Every structure is written in C-alpha cells, then in structure tokens.
Amino acid sequence: MSEAMIQIVFSLVFGSLLLTFLAVGALLRFERQRGYLAARLTRANGTGPARRAANSASRGGSLAHARDQLRRVIVRMGERLSVILGGEARDTAADLSSAGFRSRDALLIYAFLKTILPLLALGLGTVWLFMTKTVGMEMVLPAATVLGISLGLSKGVDGFVGQRRKKRLASIRRGFPDMLELLVISSEAGLGPQPALQRVALELASTSSELAHEVLQMVSEMRMTNDRRSAYEKLNIRVPLPEIGVFTQTLDQSDTYGTPFSRAMRTLIDEQRTNRLIAVEEKAARLPVIMTLPLIFCIMPAVFVVLIGPAVLSIFDNIISGG
C-alpha cells in the first residue's frame, strides 16, 4: 500500500470521527435550546417553577442534568438509527420487554448501542493501527483484533439482553407453581379472579418479584380498560412461557364459558403437577446418556489398568527375563 493510499484512508477515518463528534455536539445544542424553550413556555403558562428556582435546581443537580442530556442525545440518535432494525423492531421490542426493559426509549437505546459503539470502536481502532503499526503483515493480527472487538460489541448487546431475558423468565417459571397454589387457596376462600390475582401478587412480591410485577400489571390493565382478553395477550407477549400461555387461556375460558375460577385453577394446577413430574422423569431418563462420557473417559481407563495391568506386567517380565 502506497503512502498516498494510507493518507487517504487516514483522512477518511478522521473525517468520519469528526463528523460524528459534530453531530453529537449539534444534538446537544438542539436539546439545550429545546429544553430552554420548554422551560420558558411552562413559566409563561404558570405551570413551571420560577427562573431562580429553576436555576438553583439546575445548579444543585448538575450531574443529574448532564445524565438526562446524555440520555436524550442517545435517544435522538437511536431514533435516527432504529430504521436499521427494519421489520425486526417489533420482535426486538418484545424481547426487550420480556427481558425487563419496558422503558419507552428502550428500543432506541438498543439501536444506538447496536450501531454506534461498534462503528466508534472500529474507527478508533483503525486510527490506532495507522498511528502505531507500519503497513505490512504485522497489521493483520491487530486489524483482526480490532474487527473482533467491534463485532463483539455489536453481539455483546444481544448477548446481554438474551442473558437478562433468560434469567428473568427462569425466575418467573420458578415462582409460577407457588402462584397457582396461592390462587387455589384464595379462590376457595371466596375471592374472585381479580382480587385473588392482586392478593397473590402482593404475597409473591418478596419471593418472586418479577412474576408479582407482571400479574399486578395485568390486573391494572384489566381494571383500566375492562378488556381482559387484551390484558391476557399482553401478558403472553411480555412473558413468552408455555405455562403463562396455558394460564391465560384458562382464565379466558373461565371468563367466556362461566367456569368457576377455583375449579379452573385446581384443574390447571393438577396439569402443572403432572407436567412437572413428566419433566423430572425425562431428566432422570437422560442420566444414563449423560453418564456415558464420564464412564468411558474416567472410570473405564482405571478398570482397564486394574484388570489388564498385571497381565501386561507379567508379559513384560517374561520378555525381559527371556531376553
């Protein structure tokens, strides 16, 4: 690669980084002006604090103000980059919701972290390569490292969301049988579906907070919209587990056909106990297959040494004495 080509590549990378910083600065300035105009409008309408109070609050909470400004910039950039997700935006939003990220800006922040961080790492890594390494074969390994770090940052966001989602769903699955037991007790004590669900959610808040929060949100949606089927569907989207799907289907059938709530919950808990017993039996049936590799590589060599070792030693003794 000639010197002219190196200068061109370096100029392109430096120009892209400069444009990125200029864009961030422009967004910061735009957000500052927008916040200033919004504050003036609220003061003019009489709904906001006075200028002195606002200034003292901004001076007292400068760190929080800077954090809010940074969040707004990230959201603005995420809005412009969320188009990269295309038709996957709805599925990504559902995955983020099931992972516990329910903020309105969760998808935008995800798009920002998915695109800007890898590009920034790639740009900085390219500048570092051209400043510290000479053009030749010695740049291959560092360039591969920079590329791997950029791809790792891009995939690391998905990995973090997937791990958070898996952990959260596992926590909800562990607390689901306890919820059914409490629902059976509450329903047989005379409580209706909504009071029983709310009471059980409050009791589960200390042991399974994720499941309790989801149930409380479903009860709130049922009370506010008076549309139970929509609340059940939203719960299925937020918690995509087979157990939750069967649970919401049972509640929907109880509402539609007038089945007593206590009987429906008892039938459901009997089915769940049967399913858990089948799952335990499946795990027990997989034990011989799982134990095959340790048996072959750990136990069988010792058995062979004990059984065949004396015969091999005697053969060696006969060979040596005969020789």
C-alpha atoms as a PDB file:
ATOM      1  CA  MET A   1       0.000   0.000   0.000  1.00  0.00           C
ATOM      2  CA  SER A   2       1.445   3.351  -1.015  1.00  0.00           C
ATOM      3  CA  GLU A   3       1.812   6.437   1.169  1.00  0.00           C
ATOM      4  CA  ALA A   4      -0.899   8.264  -0.754  1.00  0.00           C
ATOM      5  CA  MET A   5      -3.398   5.468  -0.110  1.00  0.00           C
ATOM      6  CA  ILE A   6      -2.550   5.469   3.598  1.00  0.00           C
ATOM      7  CA  GLN A   7      -3.113   9.219   3.770  1.00  0.00           C
ATOM      8  CA  ILE A   8      -6.473   8.871   2.032  1.00  0.00           C
ATOM      9  CA  VAL A   9      -7.673   6.130   4.395  1.00  0.00           C
ATOM     10  CA  PHE A  10      -6.477   8.078   7.433  1.00  0.00           C
ATOM     11  CA  SER A  11      -8.247  11.205   6.205  1.00  0.00           C
ATOM     12  CA  LEU A  12     -11.494   9.297   5.688  1.00  0.00           C
ATOM     13  CA  VAL A  13     -11.396   7.778   9.178  1.00  0.00           C
ATOM     14  CA  PHE A  14     -10.530  11.097  10.791  1.00  0.00           C
ATOM     15  CA  GLY A  15     -13.276  12.840   8.835  1.00  0.00           C
ATOM     16  CA  SER A  16     -15.873  10.270   9.899  1.00  0.00           C
ATOM     17  CA  LEU A  17     -14.918  10.649  13.558  1.00  0.00           C
ATOM     18  CA  LEU A  18     -15.018  14.440  13.260  1.00  0.00           C
ATOM     19  CA  LEU A  19     -18.477  14.302  11.693  1.00  0.00           C
ATOM     20  CA  THR A  20     -19.671  12.003  14.493  1.00  0.00           C
ATOM     21  CA  PHE A  21     -18.484  14.429  17.173  1.00  0.00           C
ATOM     22  CA  LEU A  22     -20.038  17.359  15.308  1.00  0.00           C
ATOM     23  CA  ALA A  23     -23.352  15.507  15.099  1.00  0.00           C
ATOM     24  CA  VAL A  24     -23.279  14.791  18.843  1.00  0.00           C
ATOM     25  CA  GLY A  25     -22.480  18.449  19.528  1.00  0.00           C
ATOM     26  CA  ALA A  26     -25.320  19.603  17.290  1.00  0.00           C
ATOM     27  CA  LEU A  27     -27.741  17.290  19.069  1.00  0.00           C
ATOM     28  CA  LEU A  28     -26.589  18.573  22.451  1.00  0.00           C
ATOM     29  CA  ARG A  29     -27.118  22.148  21.333  1.00  0.00           C
ATOM     30  CA  PHE A  30     -30.529  21.321  19.905  1.00  0.00           C
ATOM     31  CA  GLU A  31     -31.603  19.591  23.126  1.00  0.00           C
ATOM     32  CA  ARG A  32     -30.379  22.516  25.199  1.00  0.00           C
ATOM     33  CA  GLN A  33     -32.345  25.011  23.108  1.00  0.00           C
ATOM     34  CA  ARG A  34     -35.423  22.814  23.170  1.00  0.00           C
ATOM     35  CA  GLY A  35     -35.221  22.457  26.950  1.00  0.00           C
ATOM     36  CA  TYR A  36     -34.778  26.228  27.319  1.00  0.00           C
ATOM     37  CA  LEU A  37     -37.829  26.947  25.152  1.00  0.00           C
ATOM     38  CA  ALA A  38     -39.895  24.324  27.003  1.00  0.00           C
ATOM     39  CA  ALA A  39     -38.948  25.884  30.343  1.00  0.00           C
ATOM     40  CA  ARG A  40     -39.912  29.351  29.089  1.00  0.00           C
ATOM     41  CA  LEU A  41     -43.277  28.062  27.871  1.00  0.00           C
ATOM     42  CA  THR A  42     -44.039  26.363  31.175  1.00  0.00           C
ATOM     43  CA  ARG A  43     -43.112  29.519  33.091  1.00  0.00           C
ATOM     44  CA  ALA A  44     -45.273  31.616  30.749  1.00  0.00           C
ATOM     45  CA  ASN A  45     -48.227  29.273  31.339  1.00  0.00           C
ATOM     46  CA  GLY A  46     -47.694  29.399  35.084  1.00  0.00           C
ATOM     47  CA  THR A  47     -47.186  25.641  35.365  1.00  0.00           C
ATOM     48  CA  GLY A  48     -43.402  25.630  35.826  1.00  0.00           C
ATOM     49  CA  PRO A  49     -41.050  26.906  38.532  1.00  0.00           C
ATOM     50  CA  ALA A  50     -39.702  30.405  38.531  1.00  0.00           C
ATOM     51  CA  ARG A  51     -36.417  31.274  36.820  1.00  0.00           C
ATOM     52  CA  ARG A  52     -34.467  31.496  40.102  1.00  0.00           C
ATOM     53  CA  ALA A  53     -35.841  28.206  41.355  1.00  0.00           C
ATOM     54  CA  ALA A  54     -35.074  26.533  38.060  1.00  0.00           C
ATOM     55  CA  ASN A  55     -31.523  27.928  38.060  1.00  0.00           C
ATOM     56  CA  SER A  56     -30.883  26.794  41.625  1.00  0.00           C
ATOM     57  CA  ALA A  57     -32.279  23.343  40.837  1.00  0.00           C
ATOM     58  CA  SER A  58     -30.095  23.069  37.740  1.00  0.00           C
ATOM     59  CA  ARG A  59     -27.015  24.129  39.742  1.00  0.00           C
ATOM     60  CA  GLY A  60     -27.821  21.702  42.557  1.00  0.00           C
ATOM     61  CA  GLY A  61     -28.399  18.755  40.237  1.00  0.00           C
ATOM     62  CA  SER A  62     -25.836  19.352  37.509  1.00  0.00           C
ATOM     63  CA  LEU A  63     -24.835  15.690  37.435  1.00  0.00           C
ATOM     64  CA  ALA A  64     -28.437  14.548  37.019  1.00  0.00           C
ATOM     65  CA  HIS A  65     -28.975  17.222  34.371  1.00  0.00           C
ATOM     66  CA  ALA A  66     -25.925  16.028  32.434  1.00  0.00           C
ATOM     67  CA  ARG A  67     -27.151  12.448  32.670  1.00  0.00           C
ATOM     68  CA  ASP A  68     -30.573  13.449  31.356  1.00  0.00           C
ATOM     69  CA  GLN A  69     -28.973  15.362  28.493  1.00  0.00           C
ATOM     70  CA  LEU A  70     -26.820  12.352  27.570  1.00  0.00           C
ATOM     71  CA  ARG A  71     -29.878  10.106  27.648  1.00  0.00           C
ATOM     72  CA  ARG A  72     -31.749  12.477  25.372  1.00  0.00           C
ATOM     73  CA  VAL A  73     -28.858  12.535  22.907  1.00  0.00           C
ATOM     74  CA  ILE A  74     -28.707   8.740  22.864  1.00  0.00           C
ATOM     75  CA  VAL A  75     -32.460   8.564  22.305  1.00  0.00           C
ATOM     76  CA  ARG A  76     -32.258  11.113  19.460  1.00  0.00           C
ATOM     77  CA  MET A  77     -29.515   9.158  17.742  1.00  0.00           C
ATOM     78  CA  GLY A  78     -31.414   5.924  18.374  1.00  0.00           C
ATOM     79  CA  GLU A  79     -34.475   7.373  16.654  1.00  0.00           C
ATOM     80  CA  ARG A  80     -32.397   8.025  13.551  1.00  0.00           C
ATOM     81  CA  LEU A  81     -30.756   4.602  13.702  1.00  0.00           C
ATOM     82  CA  SER A  82     -33.779   2.483  14.654  1.00  0.00           C
ATOM     83  CA  VAL A  83     -34.648   2.214  10.969  1.00  0.00           C
ATOM     84  CA  ILE A  84     -31.705  -0.199  10.722  1.00  0.00           C
ATOM     85  CA  LEU A  85     -33.756  -2.766  12.620  1.00  0.00           C
ATOM     86  CA  GLY A  86     -36.394  -2.684   9.885  1.00  0.00           C
ATOM     87  CA  GLY A  87     -39.164  -5.235  10.333  1.00  0.00           C
ATOM     88  CA  GLU A  88     -37.421  -6.727  13.369  1.00  0.00           C
ATOM     89  CA  ALA A  89     -38.277  -3.705  15.513  1.00  0.00           C
ATOM     90  CA  ARG A  90     -41.457  -5.266  16.896  1.00  0.00           C
ATOM     91  CA  ASP A  91     -39.737  -8.548  17.761  1.00  0.00           C
ATOM     92  CA  THR A  92     -36.841  -6.680  19.316  1.00  0.00           C
ATOM     93  CA  ALA A  93     -39.222  -4.575  21.407  1.00  0.00           C
ATOM     94  CA  ALA A  94     -40.936  -7.775  22.592  1.00  0.00           C
ATOM     95  CA  ASP A  95     -37.572  -9.304  23.537  1.00  0.00           C
ATOM     96  CA  LEU A  96     -36.593  -6.170  25.434  1.00  0.00           C
ATOM     97  CA  SER A  97     -39.927  -6.178  27.242  1.00  0.00           C
ATOM     98  CA  SER A  98     -39.536  -9.824  28.241  1.00  0.00           C
ATOM     99  CA  ALA A  99     -36.000  -9.008  29.456  1.00  0.00           C
ATOM    100  CA  GLY A 100     -37.423  -6.341  31.778  1.00  0.00           C
ATOM    101  CA  PHE A 101     -36.586  -3.231  29.732  1.00  0.00           C
ATOM    102  CA  ARG A 102     -40.009  -1.592  29.437  1.00  0.00           C
ATOM    103  CA  SER A 103     -38.940   1.998  29.016  1.00  0.00           C
ATOM    104  CA  ARG A 104     -40.338   3.933  26.086  1.00  0.00           C
ATOM    105  CA  ASP A 105     -36.789   4.578  24.889  1.00  0.00           C
ATOM    106  CA  ALA A 106     -35.506   1.008  25.334  1.00  0.00           C
ATOM    107  CA  LEU A 107     -35.634   0.199  21.617  1.00  0.00           C
ATOM    108  CA  LEU A 108     -33.938   3.473  20.684  1.00  0.00           C
ATOM    109  CA  ILE A 109     -31.117   2.953  23.183  1.00  0.00           C
ATOM    110  CA  TYR A 110     -30.733  -0.597  21.893  1.00  0.00           C
ATOM    111  CA  ALA A 111     -30.400   0.682  18.324  1.00  0.00           C
ATOM    112  CA  PHE A 112     -27.798   3.226  19.450  1.00  0.00           C
ATOM    113  CA  LEU A 113     -25.705   0.643  21.297  1.00  0.00           C
ATOM    114  CA  LYS A 114     -26.062  -1.802  18.411  1.00  0.00           C
ATOM    115  CA  THR A 115     -24.718   0.597  15.767  1.00  0.00           C
ATOM    116  CA  ILE A 116     -22.702   3.494  17.186  1.00  0.00           C
ATOM    117  CA  LEU A 117     -20.490   1.600  19.631  1.00  0.00           C
ATOM    118  CA  PRO A 118     -19.126  -0.919  17.059  1.00  0.00           C
ATOM    119  CA  LEU A 119     -18.534   1.849  14.490  1.00  0.00           C
ATOM    120  CA  LEU A 120     -16.789   4.028  17.068  1.00  0.00           C
ATOM    121  CA  ALA A 121     -14.589   1.132  18.178  1.00  0.00           C
ATOM    122  CA  LEU A 122     -13.764   0.328  14.558  1.00  0.00           C
ATOM    123  CA  GLY A 123     -12.858   3.934  13.788  1.00  0.00           C
ATOM    124  CA  LEU A 124     -10.689   4.386  16.863  1.00  0.00           C
ATOM    125  CA  GLY A 125      -9.037   1.011  16.259  1.00  0.00           C
ATOM    126  CA  THR A 126      -8.245   1.961  12.665  1.00  0.00           C
ATOM    127  CA  VAL A 127      -6.671   5.244  13.763  1.00  0.00           C
ATOM    128  CA  TRP A 128      -4.635   3.392  16.381  1.00  0.00           C
ATOM    129  CA  LEU A 129      -3.432   0.881  13.782  1.00  0.00           C
ATOM    130  CA  PHE A 130      -2.206   3.535  11.353  1.00  0.00           C
ATOM    131  CA  MET A 131      -0.547   5.522  14.127  1.00  0.00           C
ATOM    132  CA  THR A 132       1.283   2.647  15.837  1.00  0.00           C
ATOM    133  CA  LYS A 133       1.818  -0.018  13.171  1.00  0.00           C
ATOM    134  CA  THR A 134       3.593   0.029   9.851  1.00  0.00           C
ATOM    135  CA  VAL A 135       1.807  -1.189   6.749  1.00  0.00           C
ATOM    136  CA  GLY A 136       2.546  -4.848   6.185  1.00  0.00           C
ATOM    137  CA  MET A 137       1.897  -8.320   7.510  1.00  0.00           C
ATOM    138  CA  GLU A 138       2.286  -7.188  11.110  1.00  0.00           C
ATOM    139  CA  MET A 139      -1.019  -5.280  10.792  1.00  0.00           C
ATOM    140  CA  VAL A 140      -3.022  -8.427  10.098  1.00  0.00           C
ATOM    141  CA  LEU A 141      -3.316  -9.662  13.683  1.00  0.00           C
ATOM    142  CA  PRO A 142      -4.052  -6.223  15.249  1.00  0.00           C
ATOM    143  CA  ALA A 143      -6.589  -5.488  12.490  1.00  0.00           C
ATOM    144  CA  ALA A 144      -8.307  -8.811  13.169  1.00  0.00           C
ATOM    145  CA  THR A 145      -8.350  -7.929  16.883  1.00  0.00           C
ATOM    146  CA  VAL A 146      -9.970  -4.548  16.207  1.00  0.00           C
ATOM    147  CA  LEU A 147     -12.539  -6.152  13.943  1.00  0.00           C
ATOM    148  CA  GLY A 148     -13.261  -8.822  16.547  1.00  0.00           C
ATOM    149  CA  ILE A 149     -13.756  -6.202  19.260  1.00  0.00           C
ATOM    150  CA  SER A 150     -16.197  -4.295  17.036  1.00  0.00           C
ATOM    151  CA  LEU A 151     -18.192  -7.423  16.279  1.00  0.00           C
ATOM    152  CA  GLY A 152     -18.053  -8.399  19.945  1.00  0.00           C
ATOM    153  CA  LEU A 153     -19.533  -5.056  20.967  1.00  0.00           C
ATOM    154  CA  SER A 154     -22.325  -5.488  18.433  1.00  0.00           C
ATOM    155  CA  LYS A 155     -23.109  -9.040  19.530  1.00  0.00           C
ATOM    156  CA  GLY A 156     -22.487  -8.248  23.185  1.00  0.00           C
ATOM    157  CA  VAL A 157     -25.638  -6.144  23.326  1.00  0.00           C
ATOM    158  CA  ASP A 158     -27.707  -9.081  22.047  1.00  0.00           C
ATOM    159  CA  GLY A 159     -25.918 -11.414  24.430  1.00  0.00           C
ATOM    160  CA  PHE A 160     -26.642  -9.189  27.422  1.00  0.00           C
ATOM    161  CA  VAL A 161     -30.312  -8.836  26.508  1.00  0.00           C
ATOM    162  CA  GLY A 162     -30.620 -12.581  25.865  1.00  0.00           C
ATOM    163  CA  GLN A 163     -28.971 -13.474  29.180  1.00  0.00           C
ATOM    164  CA  ARG A 164     -31.157 -10.998  31.061  1.00  0.00           C
ATOM    165  CA  ARG A 165     -34.262 -12.368  29.330  1.00  0.00           C
ATOM    166  CA  LYS A 166     -33.323 -15.983  30.075  1.00  0.00           C
ATOM    167  CA  LYS A 167     -32.638 -15.243  33.731  1.00  0.00           C
ATOM    168  CA  ARG A 168     -35.877 -13.312  34.159  1.00  0.00           C
ATOM    169  CA  LEU A 169     -38.029 -15.986  32.505  1.00  0.00           C
ATOM    170  CA  ALA A 170     -36.383 -18.674  34.639  1.00  0.00           C
ATOM    171  CA  SER A 171     -37.238 -16.679  37.766  1.00  0.00           C
ATOM    172  CA  ILE A 172     -40.867 -16.359  36.646  1.00  0.00           C
ATOM    173  CA  ARG A 173     -41.042 -20.080  35.860  1.00  0.00           C
ATOM    174  CA  ARG A 174     -39.780 -20.969  39.338  1.00  0.00           C
ATOM    175  CA  GLY A 175     -42.419 -18.830  41.013  1.00  0.00           C
ATOM    176  CA  PHE A 176     -45.329 -19.941  38.811  1.00  0.00           C
ATOM    177  CA  PRO A 177     -46.277 -23.127  40.791  1.00  0.00           C
ATOM    178  CA  ASP A 178     -46.377 -21.147  44.037  1.00  0.00           C
ATOM    179  CA  MET A 179     -48.675 -18.632  42.385  1.00  0.00           C
ATOM    180  CA  LEU A 180     -51.076 -21.383  41.323  1.00  0.00           C
ATOM    181  CA  GLU A 181     -51.130 -22.861  44.841  1.00  0.00           C
ATOM    182  CA  LEU A 182     -51.928 -19.462  46.334  1.00  0.00           C
ATOM    183  CA  LEU A 183     -54.588 -18.828  43.691  1.00  0.00           C
ATOM    184  CA  VAL A 184     -56.322 -22.094  44.570  1.00  0.00           C
ATOM    185  CA  ILE A 185     -56.291 -21.178  48.267  1.00  0.00           C
ATOM    186  CA  SER A 186     -57.531 -17.642  47.593  1.00  0.00           C
ATOM    187  CA  SER A 187     -60.269 -18.721  45.186  1.00  0.00           C
ATOM    188  CA  GLU A 188     -61.561 -21.423  47.539  1.00  0.00           C
ATOM    189  CA  ALA A 189     -61.599 -18.813  50.313  1.00  0.00           C
ATOM    190  CA  GLY A 190     -64.174 -16.854  48.283  1.00  0.00           C
ATOM    191  CA  LEU A 191     -62.138 -14.271  46.381  1.00  0.00           C
ATOM    192  CA  GLY A 192     -62.931 -13.506  42.741  1.00  0.00           C
ATOM    193  CA  PRO A 193     -60.395 -13.631  39.900  1.00  0.00           C
ATOM    194  CA  GLN A 194     -59.137 -10.040  40.099  1.00  0.00           C
ATOM    195  CA  PRO A 195     -58.981  -9.783  43.933  1.00  0.00           C
ATOM    196  CA  ALA A 196     -57.319 -13.197  44.094  1.00  0.00           C
ATOM    197  CA  LEU A 197     -54.716 -12.257  41.494  1.00  0.00           C
ATOM    198  CA  GLN A 198     -53.947  -8.978  43.250  1.00  0.00           C
ATOM    199  CA  ARG A 199     -53.713 -10.645  46.666  1.00  0.00           C
ATOM    200  CA  VAL A 200     -51.436 -13.409  45.366  1.00  0.00           C
ATOM    201  CA  ALA A 201     -49.223 -10.874  43.560  1.00  0.00           C
ATOM    202  CA  LEU A 202     -48.751  -8.930  46.786  1.00  0.00           C
ATOM    203  CA  GLU A 203     -47.820 -12.131  48.603  1.00  0.00           C
ATOM    204  CA  LEU A 204     -45.336 -13.112  45.887  1.00  0.00           C
ATOM    205  CA  ALA A 205     -43.577  -9.739  45.876  1.00  0.00           C
ATOM    206  CA  SER A 206     -40.958 -10.925  48.385  1.00  0.00           C
ATOM    207  CA  THR A 207     -40.171 -14.290  46.754  1.00  0.00           C
ATOM    208  CA  SER A 208     -40.814 -13.763  43.033  1.00  0.00           C
ATOM    209  CA  SER A 209     -40.865 -10.038  42.347  1.00  0.00           C
ATOM    210  CA  GLU A 210     -40.804 -10.382  38.543  1.00  0.00           C
ATOM    211  CA  LEU A 211     -43.901 -12.589  38.428  1.00  0.00           C
ATOM    212  CA  ALA A 212     -45.680 -10.421  41.005  1.00  0.00           C
ATOM    213  CA  HIS A 213     -44.997  -7.301  38.932  1.00  0.00           C
ATOM    214  CA  GLU A 214     -46.344  -8.928  35.775  1.00  0.00           C
ATOM    215  CA  VAL A 215     -49.524 -10.105  37.498  1.00  0.00           C
ATOM    216  CA  LEU A 216     -50.098  -6.677  39.064  1.00  0.00           C
ATOM    217  CA  GLN A 217     -49.668  -5.030  35.671  1.00  0.00           C
ATOM    218  CA  MET A 218     -52.172  -7.449  34.140  1.00  0.00           C
ATOM    219  CA  VAL A 219     -54.691  -6.710  36.914  1.00  0.00           C
ATOM    220  CA  SER A 220     -54.194  -2.952  36.434  1.00  0.00           C
ATOM    221  CA  GLU A 221     -54.794  -3.279  32.690  1.00  0.00           C
ATOM    222  CA  MET A 222     -57.947  -5.306  33.342  1.00  0.00           C
ATOM    223  CA  ARG A 223     -59.297  -2.626  35.657  1.00  0.00           C
ATOM    224  CA  MET A 224     -58.389   0.335  33.474  1.00  0.00           C
ATOM    225  CA  THR A 225     -59.515  -0.990  30.087  1.00  0.00           C
ATOM    226  CA  ASN A 226     -62.126  -3.571  31.142  1.00  0.00           C
ATOM    227  CA  ASP A 227     -60.739  -5.767  28.352  1.00  0.00           C
ATOM    228  CA  ARG A 228     -59.494  -8.955  29.936  1.00  0.00           C
ATOM    229  CA  ARG A 229     -58.546 -10.713  26.719  1.00  0.00           C
ATOM    230  CA  SER A 230     -56.253  -7.850  25.709  1.00  0.00           C
ATOM    231  CA  ALA A 231     -54.599  -7.941  29.147  1.00  0.00           C
ATOM    232  CA  TYR A 232     -54.048 -11.693  28.765  1.00  0.00           C
ATOM    233  CA  GLU A 233     -52.483 -11.234  25.327  1.00  0.00           C
ATOM    234  CA  LYS A 234     -50.144  -8.516  26.587  1.00  0.00           C
ATOM    235  CA  LEU A 235     -49.050 -10.788  29.426  1.00  0.00           C
ATOM    236  CA  ASN A 236     -48.262 -13.524  26.890  1.00  0.00           C
ATOM    237  CA  ILE A 237     -46.126 -11.063  24.908  1.00  0.00           C
ATOM    238  CA  ARG A 238     -44.236  -9.850  27.976  1.00  0.00           C
ATOM    239  CA  VAL A 239     -43.724 -13.374  29.353  1.00  0.00           C
ATOM    240  CA  PRO A 240     -43.460 -15.853  26.444  1.00  0.00           C
ATOM    241  CA  LEU A 241     -43.629 -19.040  28.522  1.00  0.00           C
ATOM    242  CA  PRO A 242     -45.847 -22.072  27.818  1.00  0.00           C
ATOM    243  CA  GLU A 243     -47.035 -22.056  31.431  1.00  0.00           C
ATOM    244  CA  ILE A 244     -48.211 -18.449  31.187  1.00  0.00           C
ATOM    245  CA  GLY A 245     -49.922 -19.211  27.866  1.00  0.00           C
ATOM    246  CA  VAL A 246     -51.899 -22.074  29.416  1.00  0.00           C
ATOM    247  CA  PHE A 247     -52.692 -19.917  32.444  1.00  0.00           C
ATOM    248  CA  THR A 248     -54.087 -17.020  30.408  1.00  0.00           C
ATOM    249  CA  GLN A 249     -56.008 -19.436  28.177  1.00  0.00           C
ATOM    250  CA  THR A 250     -57.593 -20.972  31.267  1.00  0.00           C
ATOM    251  CA  LEU A 251     -58.570 -17.537  32.563  1.00  0.00           C
ATOM    252  CA  ASP A 252     -60.044 -16.620  29.184  1.00  0.00           C
ATOM    253  CA  GLN A 253     -62.090 -19.825  29.040  1.00  0.00           C
ATOM    254  CA  SER A 254     -63.287 -19.247  32.598  1.00  0.00           C
ATOM    255  CA  ASP A 255     -64.471 -15.754  31.633  1.00  0.00           C
ATOM    256  CA  THR A 256     -66.054 -16.912  28.375  1.00  0.00           C
ATOM    257  CA  TYR A 257     -67.865 -20.067  29.478  1.00  0.00           C
ATOM    258  CA  GLY A 258     -68.513 -19.143  33.112  1.00  0.00           C
ATOM    259  CA  THR A 259     -66.361 -21.894  34.619  1.00  0.00           C
ATOM    260  CA  PRO A 260     -65.823 -21.368  38.374  1.00  0.00           C
ATOM    261  CA  PHE A 261     -62.465 -19.773  38.997  1.00  0.00           C
ATOM    262  CA  SER A 262     -61.472 -22.126  41.803  1.00  0.00           C
ATOM    263  CA  ARG A 263     -62.273 -25.215  39.706  1.00  0.00           C
ATOM    264  CA  ALA A 264     -60.307 -23.859  36.746  1.00  0.00           C
ATOM    265  CA  MET A 265     -57.272 -23.136  38.943  1.00  0.00           C
ATOM    266  CA  ARG A 266     -57.422 -26.563  40.558  1.00  0.00           C
ATOM    267  CA  THR A 267     -57.587 -28.239  37.145  1.00  0.00           C
ATOM    268  CA  LEU A 268     -54.672 -26.140  35.961  1.00  0.00           C
ATOM    269  CA  ILE A 269     -52.542 -26.935  38.991  1.00  0.00           C
ATOM    270  CA  ASP A 270     -53.204 -30.653  38.537  1.00  0.00           C
ATOM    271  CA  GLU A 271     -51.980 -30.380  34.956  1.00  0.00           C
ATOM    272  CA  GLN A 272     -48.920 -28.424  36.054  1.00  0.00           C
ATOM    273  CA  ARG A 273     -48.064 -31.039  38.662  1.00  0.00           C
ATOM    274  CA  THR A 274     -48.329 -33.745  36.019  1.00  0.00           C
ATOM    275  CA  ASN A 275     -46.121 -31.762  33.647  1.00  0.00           C
ATOM    276  CA  ARG A 276     -43.513 -31.198  36.354  1.00  0.00           C
ATOM    277  CA  LEU A 277     -43.498 -34.907  37.167  1.00  0.00           C
ATOM    278  CA  ILE A 278     -43.014 -35.731  33.479  1.00  0.00           C
ATOM    279  CA  ALA A 279     -40.158 -33.209  33.260  1.00  0.00           C
ATOM    280  CA  VAL A 280     -38.437 -34.804  36.275  1.00  0.00           C
ATOM    281  CA  GLU A 281     -38.846 -38.267  34.732  1.00  0.00           C
ATOM    282  CA  GLU A 282     -37.337 -37.005  31.467  1.00  0.00           C
ATOM    283  CA  LYS A 283     -34.316 -35.650  33.317  1.00  0.00           C
ATOM    284  CA  ALA A 284     -33.914 -38.948  35.142  1.00  0.00           C
ATOM    285  CA  ALA A 285     -34.149 -40.843  31.851  1.00  0.00           C
ATOM    286  CA  ARG A 286     -31.322 -38.722  30.403  1.00  0.00           C
ATOM    287  CA  LEU A 287     -28.937 -39.608  33.225  1.00  0.00           C
ATOM    288  CA  PRO A 288     -27.585 -42.856  31.644  1.00  0.00           C
ATOM    289  CA  VAL A 289     -26.754 -40.972  28.438  1.00  0.00           C
ATOM    290  CA  ILE A 290     -25.132 -38.140  30.373  1.00  0.00           C
ATOM    291  CA  MET A 291     -23.066 -40.580  32.426  1.00  0.00           C
ATOM    292  CA  THR A 292     -21.717 -42.362  29.341  1.00  0.00           C
ATOM    293  CA  LEU A 293     -18.859 -39.933  28.666  1.00  0.00           C
ATOM    294  CA  PRO A 294     -17.591 -39.814  32.291  1.00  0.00           C
ATOM    295  CA  LEU A 295     -17.855 -43.603  32.384  1.00  0.00           C
ATOM    296  CA  ILE A 296     -15.770 -44.010  29.231  1.00  0.00           C
ATOM    297  CA  PHE A 297     -13.097 -41.388  29.889  1.00  0.00           C
ATOM    298  CA  CYS A 298     -12.808 -41.520  33.699  1.00  0.00           C
ATOM    299  CA  ILE A 299     -13.876 -44.920  35.031  1.00  0.00           C
ATOM    300  CA  MET A 300     -13.082 -47.347  32.214  1.00  0.00           C
ATOM    301  CA  PRO A 301      -9.335 -46.462  31.988  1.00  0.00           C
ATOM    302  CA  ALA A 302      -8.914 -47.240  35.686  1.00  0.00           C
ATOM    303  CA  VAL A 303     -10.824 -50.510  35.261  1.00  0.00           C
ATOM    304  CA  PHE A 304      -8.605 -51.477  32.323  1.00  0.00           C
ATOM    305  CA  VAL A 305      -5.471 -50.680  34.322  1.00  0.00           C
ATOM    306  CA  VAL A 306      -6.657 -52.839  37.225  1.00  0.00           C
ATOM    307  CA  LEU A 307      -7.735 -55.777  35.039  1.00  0.00           C
ATOM    308  CA  ILE A 308      -5.117 -55.779  32.307  1.00  0.00           C
ATOM    309  CA  GLY A 309      -2.218 -54.195  34.199  1.00  0.00           C
ATOM    310  CA  PRO A 310      -0.979 -57.348  35.993  1.00  0.00           C
ATOM    311  CA  ALA A 311      -1.106 -59.395  32.795  1.00  0.00           C
ATOM    312  CA  VAL A 312       0.837 -56.747  30.879  1.00  0.00           C
ATOM    313  CA  LEU A 313       3.444 -56.533  33.637  1.00  0.00           C
ATOM    314  CA  SER A 314       3.890 -60.311  33.684  1.00  0.00           C
ATOM    315  CA  ILE A 315       4.313 -60.341  29.899  1.00  0.00           C
ATOM    316  CA  PHE A 316       6.990 -57.653  30.150  1.00  0.00           C
ATOM    317  CA  ASP A 317       8.756 -59.634  32.904  1.00  0.00           C
ATOM    318  CA  ASN A 318       8.775 -62.788  30.763  1.00  0.00           C
ATOM    319  CA  ILE A 319      10.122 -60.884  27.779  1.00  0.00           C
ATOM    320  CA  ILE A 320      12.857 -59.248  29.800  1.00  0.00           C
ATOM    321  CA  SER A 321      13.866 -62.476  31.601  1.00  0.00           C
ATOM    322  CA  GLY A 322      13.764 -64.441  28.366  1.00  0.00           C
ATOM    323  CA  GLY A 323      15.918 -61.867  26.629  1.00  0.00           C
END
